[in-house]
Amino acid sequence: QKASVTSGLRVGTPAVTTRGFNEDDMREVAELIYLTASRYDEKK
């Protein structure tokens, strides 16, 4: 893909860790990313 589109997504944890997110929270975040990718219209 061209640079304005891309095929990837970069994700990082500095800010959420500052907020106090823990490893269980990150697993919940992964689930939400998955639902956004796979069942967006249904689960928004």
PDB file of all heavy atoms in Angstrom:
ATOM      1  N   GLN A   1       0.828  -1.201   0.000  1.00  0.00           N
ATOM      2  CA  GLN A   1       0.000   0.000   0.000  1.00  0.00           C
ATOM      3  C   GLN A   1       0.867   1.257   0.000  1.00  0.00           C
ATOM      4  O   GLN A   1       2.002   1.251   0.478  1.00  0.00           O
ATOM      5  CB  GLN A   1      -0.919   0.017   1.231  1.00  0.00           C
ATOM      6  CG  GLN A   1      -1.911  -1.127   1.302  1.00  0.00           C
ATOM      7  CD  GLN A   1      -3.091  -0.930   0.350  1.00  0.00           C
ATOM      8  OE1 GLN A   1      -3.185   0.062  -0.360  1.00  0.00           O
ATOM      9  NE2 GLN A   1      -3.994  -1.909   0.350  1.00  0.00           N
ATOM     10  N   LYS A   2       0.305   2.366  -0.478  1.00  0.00           N
ATOM     11  CA  LYS A   2       1.017   3.631  -0.438  1.00  0.00           C
ATOM     12  C   LYS A   2       1.057   4.164   0.989  1.00  0.00           C
ATOM     13  O   LYS A   2       0.284   3.716   1.858  1.00  0.00           O
ATOM     14  CB  LYS A   2       0.370   4.647  -1.377  1.00  0.00           C
ATOM     15  CG  LYS A   2      -1.092   4.929  -1.115  1.00  0.00           C
ATOM     16  CD  LYS A   2      -1.654   5.848  -2.197  1.00  0.00           C
ATOM     17  CE  LYS A   2      -3.142   6.137  -1.958  1.00  0.00           C
ATOM     18  NZ  LYS A   2      -3.705   7.012  -3.016  1.00  0.00           N
ATOM     19  N   ALA A   3       1.939   5.124   1.231  1.00  0.00           N
ATOM     20  CA  ALA A   3       2.190   5.599   2.590  1.00  0.00           C
ATOM     21  C   ALA A   3       0.970   6.209   3.248  1.00  0.00           C
ATOM     22  O   ALA A   3       0.845   6.191   4.481  1.00  0.00           O
ATOM     23  CB  ALA A   3       3.332   6.607   2.587  1.00  0.00           C
ATOM     24  N   SER A   4       0.056   6.757   2.469  1.00  0.00           N
ATOM     25  CA  SER A   4      -1.149   7.363   3.038  1.00  0.00           C
ATOM     26  C   SER A   4      -2.208   6.339   3.411  1.00  0.00           C
ATOM     27  O   SER A   4      -3.215   6.672   4.037  1.00  0.00           O
ATOM     28  CB  SER A   4      -1.744   8.372   2.052  1.00  0.00           C
ATOM     29  OG  SER A   4      -2.103   7.729   0.830  1.00  0.00           O
ATOM     30  N   VAL A   5      -1.980   5.076   3.019  1.00  0.00           N
ATOM     31  CA  VAL A   5      -2.944   4.003   3.306  1.00  0.00           C
ATOM     32  C   VAL A   5      -2.331   2.997   4.280  1.00  0.00           C
ATOM     33  O   VAL A   5      -2.838   2.770   5.365  1.00  0.00           O
ATOM     34  CB  VAL A   5      -3.398   3.306   2.014  1.00  0.00           C
ATOM     35  CG1 VAL A   5      -4.343   2.135   2.326  1.00  0.00           C
ATOM     36  CG2 VAL A   5      -4.066   4.301   1.084  1.00  0.00           C
ATOM     37  N   THR A   6      -1.262   2.364   3.907  1.00  0.00           N
ATOM     38  CA  THR A   6      -0.485   1.364   4.645  1.00  0.00           C
ATOM     39  C   THR A   6      -1.259   0.074   4.907  1.00  0.00           C
ATOM     40  O   THR A   6      -2.484   0.024   4.821  1.00  0.00           O
ATOM     41  CB  THR A   6       0.054   1.892   6.003  1.00  0.00           C
ATOM     42  OG1 THR A   6      -0.967   1.884   6.979  1.00  0.00           O
ATOM     43  CG2 THR A   6       0.686   3.260   5.861  1.00  0.00           C
ATOM     44  N   SER A   7      -0.498  -0.942   5.263  1.00  0.00           N
ATOM     45  CA  SER A   7      -1.086  -2.240   5.617  1.00  0.00           C
ATOM     46  C   SER A   7      -0.930  -2.546   7.098  1.00  0.00           C
ATOM     47  O   SER A   7      -1.279  -3.645   7.540  1.00  0.00           O
ATOM     48  CB  SER A   7      -0.402  -3.361   4.819  1.00  0.00           C
ATOM     49  OG  SER A   7      -0.599  -3.188   3.434  1.00  0.00           O
ATOM     50  N   GLY A   8      -0.407  -1.588   7.859  1.00  0.00           N
ATOM     51  CA  GLY A   8      -0.108  -1.875   9.255  1.00  0.00           C
ATOM     52  C   GLY A   8      -0.678  -0.877  10.229  1.00  0.00           C
ATOM     53  O   GLY A   8      -1.189   0.186   9.855  1.00  0.00           O
ATOM     54  N   LEU A   9      -0.572  -1.236  11.489  1.00  0.00           N
ATOM     55  CA  LEU A   9      -0.997  -0.390  12.596  1.00  0.00           C
ATOM     56  C   LEU A   9       0.052  -0.498  13.685  1.00  0.00           C
ATOM     57  O   LEU A   9       0.439  -1.604  14.080  1.00  0.00           O
ATOM     58  CB  LEU A   9      -2.356  -0.855  13.132  1.00  0.00           C
ATOM     59  CG  LEU A   9      -3.013   0.045  14.178  1.00  0.00           C
ATOM     60  CD1 LEU A   9      -3.710   1.227  13.493  1.00  0.00           C
ATOM     61  CD2 LEU A   9      -4.031  -0.749  15.006  1.00  0.00           C
ATOM     62  N   ARG A  10       0.520   0.651  14.170  1.00  0.00           N
ATOM     63  CA  ARG A  10       1.500   0.674  15.263  1.00  0.00           C
ATOM     64  C   ARG A  10       0.781   0.941  16.579  1.00  0.00           C
ATOM     65  O   ARG A  10      -0.021   1.869  16.670  1.00  0.00           O
ATOM     66  CB  ARG A  10       2.553   1.757  15.000  1.00  0.00           C
ATOM     67  CG  ARG A  10       3.716   1.744  15.979  1.00  0.00           C
ATOM     68  CD  ARG A  10       4.672   2.891  15.728  1.00  0.00           C
ATOM     69  NE  ARG A  10       4.047   4.183  15.990  1.00  0.00           N
ATOM     70  CZ  ARG A  10       4.713   5.340  16.068  1.00  0.00           C
ATOM     71  NH1 ARG A  10       6.016   5.363  15.876  1.00  0.00           N
ATOM     72  NH2 ARG A  10       4.079   6.471  16.310  1.00  0.00           N
ATOM     73  N   VAL A  11       1.061   0.119  17.574  1.00  0.00           N
ATOM     74  CA  VAL A  11       0.441   0.307  18.891  1.00  0.00           C
ATOM     75  C   VAL A  11       1.525   0.292  19.958  1.00  0.00           C
ATOM     76  O   VAL A  11       2.495  -0.468  19.867  1.00  0.00           O
ATOM     77  CB  VAL A  11      -0.610  -0.785  19.190  1.00  0.00           C
ATOM     78  CG1 VAL A  11      -1.810  -0.648  18.266  1.00  0.00           C
ATOM     79  CG2 VAL A  11      -0.022  -2.183  19.087  1.00  0.00           C
ATOM     80  N   GLY A  12       1.366   1.143  20.973  1.00  0.00           N
ATOM     81  CA  GLY A  12       2.353   1.231  22.039  1.00  0.00           C
ATOM     82  C   GLY A  12       1.705   1.429  23.391  1.00  0.00           C
ATOM     83  O   GLY A  12       0.536   1.819  23.488  1.00  0.00           O
ATOM     84  N   THR A  13       2.479   1.208  24.449  1.00  0.00           N
ATOM     85  CA  THR A  13       1.919   1.196  25.800  1.00  0.00           C
ATOM     86  C   THR A  13       2.414   2.281  26.762  1.00  0.00           C
ATOM     87  O   THR A  13       2.043   2.243  27.937  1.00  0.00           O
ATOM     88  CB  THR A  13       2.170  -0.183  26.451  1.00  0.00           C
ATOM     89  OG1 THR A  13       3.587  -0.474  26.438  1.00  0.00           O
ATOM     90  CG2 THR A  13       1.420  -1.269  25.717  1.00  0.00           C
ATOM     91  N   PRO A  14       3.224   3.264  26.356  1.00  0.00           N
ATOM     92  CA  PRO A  14       3.655   4.271  27.334  1.00  0.00           C
ATOM     93  C   PRO A  14       2.510   5.039  27.992  1.00  0.00           C
ATOM     94  O   PRO A  14       2.482   5.189  29.218  1.00  0.00           O
ATOM     95  CB  PRO A  14       4.556   5.204  26.502  1.00  0.00           C
ATOM     96  CG  PRO A  14       5.078   4.349  25.418  1.00  0.00           C
ATOM     97  CD  PRO A  14       3.950   3.427  25.069  1.00  0.00           C
ATOM     98  N   ALA A  15       1.570   5.544  27.208  1.00  0.00           N
ATOM     99  CA  ALA A  15       0.518   6.396  27.765  1.00  0.00           C
ATOM    100  C   ALA A  15      -0.455   5.605  28.629  1.00  0.00           C
ATOM    101  O   ALA A  15      -0.852   6.053  29.712  1.00  0.00           O
ATOM    102  CB  ALA A  15      -0.228   7.121  26.645  1.00  0.00           C
ATOM    103  N   VAL A  16      -0.868   4.432  28.164  1.00  0.00           N
ATOM    104  CA  VAL A  16      -1.810   3.654  28.965  1.00  0.00           C
ATOM    105  C   VAL A  16      -1.157   3.166  30.254  1.00  0.00           C
ATOM    106  O   VAL A  16      -1.825   3.036  31.294  1.00  0.00           O
ATOM    107  CB  VAL A  16      -2.413   2.475  28.169  1.00  0.00           C
ATOM    108  CG1 VAL A  16      -3.368   2.972  27.104  1.00  0.00           C
ATOM    109  CG2 VAL A  16      -1.333   1.577  27.583  1.00  0.00           C
ATOM    110  N   THR A  17       0.142   2.918  30.210  1.00  0.00           N
ATOM    111  CA  THR A  17       0.836   2.514  31.434  1.00  0.00           C
ATOM    112  C   THR A  17       0.903   3.668  32.415  1.00  0.00           C
ATOM    113  O   THR A  17       0.761   3.467  33.632  1.00  0.00           O
ATOM    114  CB  THR A  17       2.245   1.979  31.107  1.00  0.00           C
ATOM    115  OG1 THR A  17       2.141   0.927  30.140  1.00  0.00           O
ATOM    116  CG2 THR A  17       2.921   1.429  32.348  1.00  0.00           C
ATOM    117  N   THR A  18       1.111   4.878  31.917  1.00  0.00           N
ATOM    118  CA  THR A  18       1.050   6.052  32.784  1.00  0.00           C
ATOM    119  C   THR A  18      -0.301   6.138  33.478  1.00  0.00           C
ATOM    120  O   THR A  18      -0.396   6.499  34.659  1.00  0.00           O
ATOM    121  CB  THR A  18       1.314   7.335  31.976  1.00  0.00           C
ATOM    122  OG1 THR A  18       2.670   7.323  31.490  1.00  0.00           O
ATOM    123  CG2 THR A  18       1.126   8.583  32.825  1.00  0.00           C
ATOM    124  N   ARG A  19      -1.361   5.799  32.767  1.00  0.00           N
ATOM    125  CA  ARG A  19      -2.706   5.847  33.345  1.00  0.00           C
ATOM    126  C   ARG A  19      -2.923   4.775  34.407  1.00  0.00           C
ATOM    127  O   ARG A  19      -3.855   4.874  35.209  1.00  0.00           O
ATOM    128  CB  ARG A  19      -3.763   5.644  32.256  1.00  0.00           C
ATOM    129  CG  ARG A  19      -3.872   6.744  31.255  1.00  0.00           C
ATOM    130  CD  ARG A  19      -5.086   6.569  30.362  1.00  0.00           C
ATOM    131  NE  ARG A  19      -6.316   6.939  31.061  1.00  0.00           N
ATOM    132  CZ  ARG A  19      -7.343   7.577  30.497  1.00  0.00           C
ATOM    133  NH1 ARG A  19      -7.295   7.893  29.216  1.00  0.00           N
ATOM    134  NH2 ARG A  19      -8.395   7.884  31.204  1.00  0.00           N
ATOM    135  N   GLY A  20      -2.100   3.734  34.392  1.00  0.00           N
ATOM    136  CA  GLY A  20      -2.261   2.660  35.362  1.00  0.00           C
ATOM    137  C   GLY A  20      -2.794   1.372  34.796  1.00  0.00           C
ATOM    138  O   GLY A  20      -3.103   0.431  35.547  1.00  0.00           O
ATOM    139  N   PHE A  21      -2.916   1.278  33.460  1.00  0.00           N
ATOM    140  CA  PHE A  21      -3.354   0.016  32.864  1.00  0.00           C
ATOM    141  C   PHE A  21      -2.368  -1.088  33.233  1.00  0.00           C
ATOM    142  O   PHE A  21      -1.155  -0.880  33.273  1.00  0.00           O
ATOM    143  CB  PHE A  21      -3.410   0.137  31.339  1.00  0.00           C
ATOM    144  CG  PHE A  21      -4.633   0.829  30.794  1.00  0.00           C
ATOM    145  CD1 PHE A  21      -5.130   1.983  31.382  1.00  0.00           C
ATOM    146  CD2 PHE A  21      -5.279   0.337  29.676  1.00  0.00           C
ATOM    147  CE1 PHE A  21      -6.256   2.623  30.868  1.00  0.00           C
ATOM    148  CE2 PHE A  21      -6.396   0.964  29.149  1.00  0.00           C
ATOM    149  CZ  PHE A  21      -6.893   2.115  29.751  1.00  0.00           C
ATOM    150  N   ASN A  22      -2.925  -2.291  33.470  1.00  0.00           N
ATOM    151  CA  ASN A  22      -2.083  -3.442  33.778  1.00  0.00           C
ATOM    152  C   ASN A  22      -2.215  -4.488  32.668  1.00  0.00           C
ATOM    153  O   ASN A  22      -2.853  -4.246  31.634  1.00  0.00           O
ATOM    154  CB  ASN A  22      -2.441  -4.027  35.144  1.00  0.00           C
ATOM    155  CG  ASN A  22      -3.903  -4.443  35.242  1.00  0.00           C
ATOM    156  OD1 ASN A  22      -4.510  -4.859  34.243  1.00  0.00           O
ATOM    157  ND2 ASN A  22      -4.477  -4.347  36.431  1.00  0.00           N
ATOM    158  N   GLU A  23      -1.613  -5.645  32.890  1.00  0.00           N
ATOM    159  CA  GLU A  23      -1.582  -6.664  31.841  1.00  0.00           C
ATOM    160  C   GLU A  23      -2.975  -7.203  31.521  1.00  0.00           C
ATOM    161  O   GLU A  23      -3.283  -7.506  30.364  1.00  0.00           O
ATOM    162  CB  GLU A  23      -0.633  -7.784  32.255  1.00  0.00           C
ATOM    163  CG  GLU A  23       0.830  -7.328  32.261  1.00  0.00           C
ATOM    164  CD  GLU A  23       1.749  -8.231  33.042  1.00  0.00           C
ATOM    165  OE1 GLU A  23       2.201  -9.245  32.478  1.00  0.00           O
ATOM    166  OE2 GLU A  23       2.009  -7.924  34.221  1.00  0.00           O
ATOM    167  N   ASP A  24      -3.832  -7.311  32.523  1.00  0.00           N
ATOM    168  CA  ASP A  24      -5.212  -7.726  32.255  1.00  0.00           C
ATOM    169  C   ASP A  24      -5.934  -6.692  31.397  1.00  0.00           C
ATOM    170  O   ASP A  24      -6.701  -7.049  30.487  1.00  0.00           O
ATOM    171  CB  ASP A  24      -5.976  -7.928  33.564  1.00  0.00           C
ATOM    172  CG  ASP A  24      -5.558  -9.195  34.295  1.00  0.00           C
ATOM    173  OD1 ASP A  24      -5.003 -10.101  33.643  1.00  0.00           O
ATOM    174  OD2 ASP A  24      -5.778  -9.261  35.523  1.00  0.00           O
ATOM    175  N   ASP A  25      -5.689  -5.422  31.685  1.00  0.00           N
ATOM    176  CA  ASP A  25      -6.294  -4.361  30.875  1.00  0.00           C
ATOM    177  C   ASP A  25      -5.822  -4.441  29.430  1.00  0.00           C
ATOM    178  O   ASP A  25      -6.590  -4.208  28.490  1.00  0.00           O
ATOM    179  CB  ASP A  25      -5.940  -2.979  31.445  1.00  0.00           C
ATOM    180  CG  ASP A  25      -6.521  -2.736  32.826  1.00  0.00           C
ATOM    181  OD1 ASP A  25      -7.662  -3.173  33.069  1.00  0.00           O
ATOM    182  OD2 ASP A  25      -5.833  -2.112  33.644  1.00  0.00           O
ATOM    183  N   MET A  26      -4.547  -4.791  29.235  1.00  0.00           N
ATOM    184  CA  MET A  26      -4.020  -4.881  27.878  1.00  0.00           C
ATOM    185  C   MET A  26      -4.664  -6.026  27.108  1.00  0.00           C
ATOM    186  O   MET A  26      -4.878  -5.938  25.897  1.00  0.00           O
ATOM    187  CB  MET A  26      -2.493  -5.034  27.886  1.00  0.00           C
ATOM    188  CG  MET A  26      -1.738  -3.878  28.544  1.00  0.00           C
ATOM    189  SD  MET A  26      -2.392  -2.222  28.179  1.00  0.00           S
ATOM    190  CE  MET A  26      -2.267  -2.150  26.409  1.00  0.00           C
ATOM    191  N   ARG A  27      -4.991  -7.098  27.807  1.00  0.00           N
ATOM    192  CA  ARG A  27      -5.694  -8.192  27.136  1.00  0.00           C
ATOM    193  C   ARG A  27      -7.107  -7.753  26.730  1.00  0.00           C
ATOM    194  O   ARG A  27      -7.600  -8.150  25.664  1.00  0.00           O
ATOM    195  CB  ARG A  27      -5.714  -9.420  28.050  1.00  0.00           C
ATOM    196  CG  ARG A  27      -4.360 -10.127  28.118  1.00  0.00           C
ATOM    197  CD  ARG A  27      -4.414 -11.406  28.930  1.00  0.00           C
ATOM    198  NE  ARG A  27      -4.213 -11.141  30.344  1.00  0.00           N
ATOM    199  CZ  ARG A  27      -3.013 -11.086  30.936  1.00  0.00           C
ATOM    200  NH1 ARG A  27      -1.914 -11.269  30.230  1.00  0.00           N
ATOM    201  NH2 ARG A  27      -2.910 -10.862  32.226  1.00  0.00           N
ATOM    202  N   GLU A  28      -7.718  -6.928  27.547  1.00  0.00           N
ATOM    203  CA  GLU A  28      -9.021  -6.359  27.178  1.00  0.00           C
ATOM    204  C   GLU A  28      -8.881  -5.429  25.972  1.00  0.00           C
ATOM    205  O   GLU A  28      -9.710  -5.456  25.056  1.00  0.00           O
ATOM    206  CB  GLU A  28      -9.612  -5.599  28.371  1.00  0.00           C
ATOM    207  CG  GLU A  28     -10.827  -4.733  28.075  1.00  0.00           C
ATOM    208  CD  GLU A  28     -12.128  -5.494  27.826  1.00  0.00           C
ATOM    209  OE1 GLU A  28     -12.074  -6.733  27.666  1.00  0.00           O
ATOM    210  OE2 GLU A  28     -13.184  -4.854  27.763  1.00  0.00           O
ATOM    211  N   VAL A  29      -7.830  -4.635  25.942  1.00  0.00           N
ATOM    212  CA  VAL A  29      -7.583  -3.751  24.802  1.00  0.00           C
ATOM    213  C   VAL A  29      -7.400  -4.569  23.526  1.00  0.00           C
ATOM    214  O   VAL A  29      -7.922  -4.221  22.458  1.00  0.00           O
ATOM    215  CB  VAL A  29      -6.352  -2.854  25.060  1.00  0.00           C
ATOM    216  CG1 VAL A  29      -5.940  -2.113  23.784  1.00  0.00           C
ATOM    217  CG2 VAL A  29      -6.646  -1.856  26.176  1.00  0.00           C
ATOM    218  N   ALA A  30      -6.662  -5.676  23.612  1.00  0.00           N
ATOM    219  CA  ALA A  30      -6.476  -6.545  22.448  1.00  0.00           C
ATOM    220  C   ALA A  30      -7.814  -7.073  21.941  1.00  0.00           C
ATOM    221  O   ALA A  30      -8.047  -7.150  20.726  1.00  0.00           O
ATOM    222  CB  ALA A  30      -5.540  -7.700  22.797  1.00  0.00           C
ATOM    223  N   GLU A  31      -8.692  -7.442  22.854  1.00  0.00           N
ATOM    224  CA  GLU A  31     -10.019  -7.915  22.472  1.00  0.00           C
ATOM    225  C   GLU A  31     -10.801  -6.820  21.747  1.00  0.00           C
ATOM    226  O   GLU A  31     -11.476  -7.078  20.737  1.00  0.00           O
ATOM    227  CB  GLU A  31     -10.780  -8.373  23.718  1.00  0.00           C
ATOM    228  CG  GLU A  31     -12.256  -8.666  23.517  1.00  0.00           C
ATOM    229  CD  GLU A  31     -12.538  -9.932  22.726  1.00  0.00           C
ATOM    230  OE1 GLU A  31     -11.598 -10.721  22.489  1.00  0.00           O
ATOM    231  OE2 GLU A  31     -13.698 -10.142  22.332  1.00  0.00           O
ATOM    232  N   LEU A  32     -10.678  -5.592  22.227  1.00  0.00           N
ATOM    233  CA  LEU A  32     -11.394  -4.480  21.600  1.00  0.00           C
ATOM    234  C   LEU A  32     -10.833  -4.170  20.206  1.00  0.00           C
ATOM    235  O   LEU A  32     -11.584  -3.844  19.288  1.00  0.00           O
ATOM    236  CB  LEU A  32     -11.324  -3.241  22.492  1.00  0.00           C
ATOM    237  CG  LEU A  32     -11.966  -3.392  23.882  1.00  0.00           C
ATOM    238  CD1 LEU A  32     -11.823  -2.111  24.687  1.00  0.00           C
ATOM    239  CD2 LEU A  32     -13.434  -3.796  23.775  1.00  0.00           C
ATOM    240  N   ILE A  33      -9.522  -4.283  20.047  1.00  0.00           N
ATOM    241  CA  ILE A  33      -8.919  -4.099  18.726  1.00  0.00           C
ATOM    242  C   ILE A  33      -9.415  -5.195  17.779  1.00  0.00           C
ATOM    243  O   ILE A  33      -9.752  -4.928  16.615  1.00  0.00           O
ATOM    244  CB  ILE A  33      -7.377  -4.109  18.826  1.00  0.00           C
ATOM    245  CG1 ILE A  33      -6.889  -2.878  19.590  1.00  0.00           C
ATOM    246  CG2 ILE A  33      -6.746  -4.135  17.431  1.00  0.00           C
ATOM    247  CD1 ILE A  33      -5.392  -2.902  19.900  1.00  0.00           C
ATOM    248  N   TYR A  34      -9.471  -6.416  18.282  1.00  0.00           N
ATOM    249  CA  TYR A  34      -9.954  -7.532  17.469  1.00  0.00           C
ATOM    250  C   TYR A  34     -11.405  -7.315  17.028  1.00  0.00           C
ATOM    251  O   TYR A  34     -11.745  -7.501  15.855  1.00  0.00           O
ATOM    252  CB  TYR A  34      -9.825  -8.841  18.247  1.00  0.00           C
ATOM    253  CG  TYR A  34     -10.493 -10.009  17.576  1.00  0.00           C
ATOM    254  CD1 TYR A  34      -9.935 -10.595  16.445  1.00  0.00           C
ATOM    255  CD2 TYR A  34     -11.700 -10.517  18.057  1.00  0.00           C
ATOM    256  CE1 TYR A  34     -10.561 -11.664  15.805  1.00  0.00           C
ATOM    257  CE2 TYR A  34     -12.329 -11.579  17.434  1.00  0.00           C
ATOM    258  CZ  TYR A  34     -11.754 -12.141  16.305  1.00  0.00           C
ATOM    259  OH  TYR A  34     -12.376 -13.184  15.668  1.00  0.00           O
ATOM    260  N   LEU A  35     -12.251  -6.912  17.954  1.00  0.00           N
ATOM    261  CA  LEU A  35     -13.653  -6.677  17.601  1.00  0.00           C
ATOM    262  C   LEU A  35     -13.783  -5.542  16.603  1.00  0.00           C
ATOM    263  O   LEU A  35     -14.637  -5.575  15.708  1.00  0.00           O
ATOM    264  CB  LEU A  35     -14.465  -6.376  18.866  1.00  0.00           C
ATOM    265  CG  LEU A  35     -14.649  -7.536  19.845  1.00  0.00           C
ATOM    266  CD1 LEU A  35     -15.371  -7.062  21.095  1.00  0.00           C
ATOM    267  CD2 LEU A  35     -15.406  -8.698  19.193  1.00  0.00           C
ATOM    268  N   THR A  36     -12.932  -4.518  16.731  1.00  0.00           N
ATOM    269  CA  THR A  36     -12.963  -3.403  15.792  1.00  0.00           C
ATOM    270  C   THR A  36     -12.555  -3.852  14.395  1.00  0.00           C
ATOM    271  O   THR A  36     -13.086  -3.372  13.390  1.00  0.00           O
ATOM    272  CB  THR A  36     -12.039  -2.271  16.278  1.00  0.00           C
ATOM    273  OG1 THR A  36     -12.435  -1.873  17.588  1.00  0.00           O
ATOM    274  CG2 THR A  36     -12.123  -1.063  15.354  1.00  0.00           C
ATOM    275  N   ALA A  37     -11.631  -4.792  14.325  1.00  0.00           N
ATOM    276  CA  ALA A  37     -11.169  -5.290  13.024  1.00  0.00           C
ATOM    277  C   ALA A  37     -12.150  -6.272  12.408  1.00  0.00           C
ATOM    278  O   ALA A  37     -12.328  -6.295  11.176  1.00  0.00           O
ATOM    279  CB  ALA A  37      -9.806  -5.958  13.181  1.00  0.00           C
ATOM    280  N   SER A  38     -12.826  -7.071  13.244  1.00  0.00           N
ATOM    281  CA  SER A  38     -13.593  -8.198  12.712  1.00  0.00           C
ATOM    282  C   SER A  38     -15.109  -8.035  12.782  1.00  0.00           C
ATOM    283  O   SER A  38     -15.841  -8.598  11.956  1.00  0.00           O
ATOM    284  CB  SER A  38     -13.197  -9.473  13.461  1.00  0.00           C
ATOM    285  OG  SER A  38     -13.514  -9.365  14.838  1.00  0.00           O
ATOM    286  N   ARG A  39     -15.609  -7.261  13.753  1.00  0.00           N
ATOM    287  CA  ARG A  39     -17.065  -7.156  13.952  1.00  0.00           C
ATOM    288  C   ARG A  39     -17.462  -5.709  14.255  1.00  0.00           C
ATOM    289  O   ARG A  39     -18.288  -5.429  15.109  1.00  0.00           O
ATOM    290  CB  ARG A  39     -17.500  -8.093  15.097  1.00  0.00           C
ATOM    291  CG  ARG A  39     -17.126  -9.543  14.836  1.00  0.00           C
ATOM    292  CD  ARG A  39     -17.395 -10.422  16.051  1.00  0.00           C
ATOM    293  NE  ARG A  39     -18.818 -10.543  16.355  1.00  0.00           N
ATOM    294  CZ  ARG A  39     -19.292 -11.199  17.419  1.00  0.00           C
ATOM    295  NH1 ARG A  39     -18.454 -11.784  18.269  1.00  0.00           N
ATOM    296  NH2 ARG A  39     -20.593 -11.272  17.628  1.00  0.00           N
ATOM    297  N   TYR A  40     -16.849  -4.801  13.522  1.00  0.00           N
ATOM    298  CA  TYR A  40     -16.981  -3.371  13.815  1.00  0.00           C
ATOM    299  C   TYR A  40     -18.432  -2.900  13.802  1.00  0.00           C
ATOM    300  O   TYR A  40     -18.911  -2.277  14.758  1.00  0.00           O
ATOM    301  CB  TYR A  40     -16.152  -2.569  12.803  1.00  0.00           C
ATOM    302  CG  TYR A  40     -16.336  -1.067  12.875  1.00  0.00           C
ATOM    303  CD1 TYR A  40     -15.824  -0.345  13.933  1.00  0.00           C
ATOM    304  CD2 TYR A  40     -17.010  -0.381  11.859  1.00  0.00           C
ATOM    305  CE1 TYR A  40     -15.974   1.033  13.996  1.00  0.00           C
ATOM    306  CE2 TYR A  40     -17.167   0.987  11.913  1.00  0.00           C
ATOM    307  CZ  TYR A  40     -16.652   1.691  12.978  1.00  0.00           C
ATOM    308  OH  TYR A  40     -16.811   3.042  13.051  1.00  0.00           O
ATOM    309  N   ASP A  41     -19.161  -3.159  12.736  1.00  0.00           N
ATOM    310  CA  ASP A  41     -20.535  -2.665  12.624  1.00  0.00           C
ATOM    311  C   ASP A  41     -21.425  -3.225  13.732  1.00  0.00           C
ATOM    312  O   ASP A  41     -22.265  -2.517  14.295  1.00  0.00           O
ATOM    313  CB  ASP A  41     -21.122  -3.022  11.246  1.00  0.00           C
ATOM    314  CG  ASP A  41     -20.433  -2.269  10.123  1.00  0.00           C
ATOM    315  OD1 ASP A  41     -19.983  -1.134  10.372  1.00  0.00           O
ATOM    316  OD2 ASP A  41     -20.335  -2.818   9.007  1.00  0.00           O
ATOM    317  N   GLU A  42     -21.233  -4.481  14.031  1.00  0.00           N
ATOM    318  CA  GLU A  42     -22.068  -5.157  15.025  1.00  0.00           C
ATOM    319  C   GLU A  42     -21.733  -4.734  16.449  1.00  0.00           C
ATOM    320  O   GLU A  42     -22.627  -4.607  17.313  1.00  0.00           O
ATOM    321  CB  GLU A  42     -21.883  -6.667  14.879  1.00  0.00           C
ATOM    322  CG  GLU A  42     -22.606  -7.505  15.907  1.00  0.00           C
ATOM    323  CD  GLU A  42     -22.188  -8.970  15.848  1.00  0.00           C
ATOM    324  OE1 GLU A  42     -21.446  -9.347  14.908  1.00  0.00           O
ATOM    325  OE2 GLU A  42     -22.608  -9.722  16.743  1.00  0.00           O
ATOM    326  N   LYS A  43     -20.454  -4.501  16.731  1.00  0.00           N
ATOM    327  CA  LYS A  43     -19.994  -4.332  18.105  1.00  0.00           C
ATOM    328  C   LYS A  43     -19.581  -2.903  18.469  1.00  0.00           C
ATOM    329  O   LYS A  43     -19.102  -2.677  19.589  1.00  0.00           O
ATOM    330  CB  LYS A  43     -18.802  -5.268  18.355  1.00  0.00           C
ATOM    331  CG  LYS A  43     -19.147  -6.755  18.312  1.00  0.00           C
ATOM    332  CD  LYS A  43     -19.968  -7.147  19.531  1.00  0.00           C
ATOM    333  CE  LYS A  43     -20.186  -8.638  19.603  1.00  0.00           C
ATOM    334  NZ  LYS A  43     -20.928  -9.031  20.832  1.00  0.00           N
ATOM    335  N   LYS A  44     -19.760  -1.937  17.572  1.00  0.00           N
ATOM    336  CA  LYS A  44     -19.231  -0.595  17.803  1.00  0.00           C
ATOM    337  C   LYS A  44     -19.686  -0.011  19.146  1.00  0.00           C
ATOM    338  O   LYS A  44     -18.874   0.480  19.935  1.00  0.00           O
ATOM    339  CB  LYS A  44     -19.636   0.334  16.658  1.00  0.00           C
ATOM    340  CG  LYS A  44     -19.138   1.762  16.830  1.00  0.00           C
ATOM    341  CD  LYS A  44     -19.520   2.632  15.651  1.00  0.00           C
ATOM    342  CE  LYS A  44     -19.042   4.070  15.864  1.00  0.00           C
ATOM    343  NZ  LYS A  44     -19.419   4.956  14.734  1.00  0.00           N
TER     344      LYS A  44
END
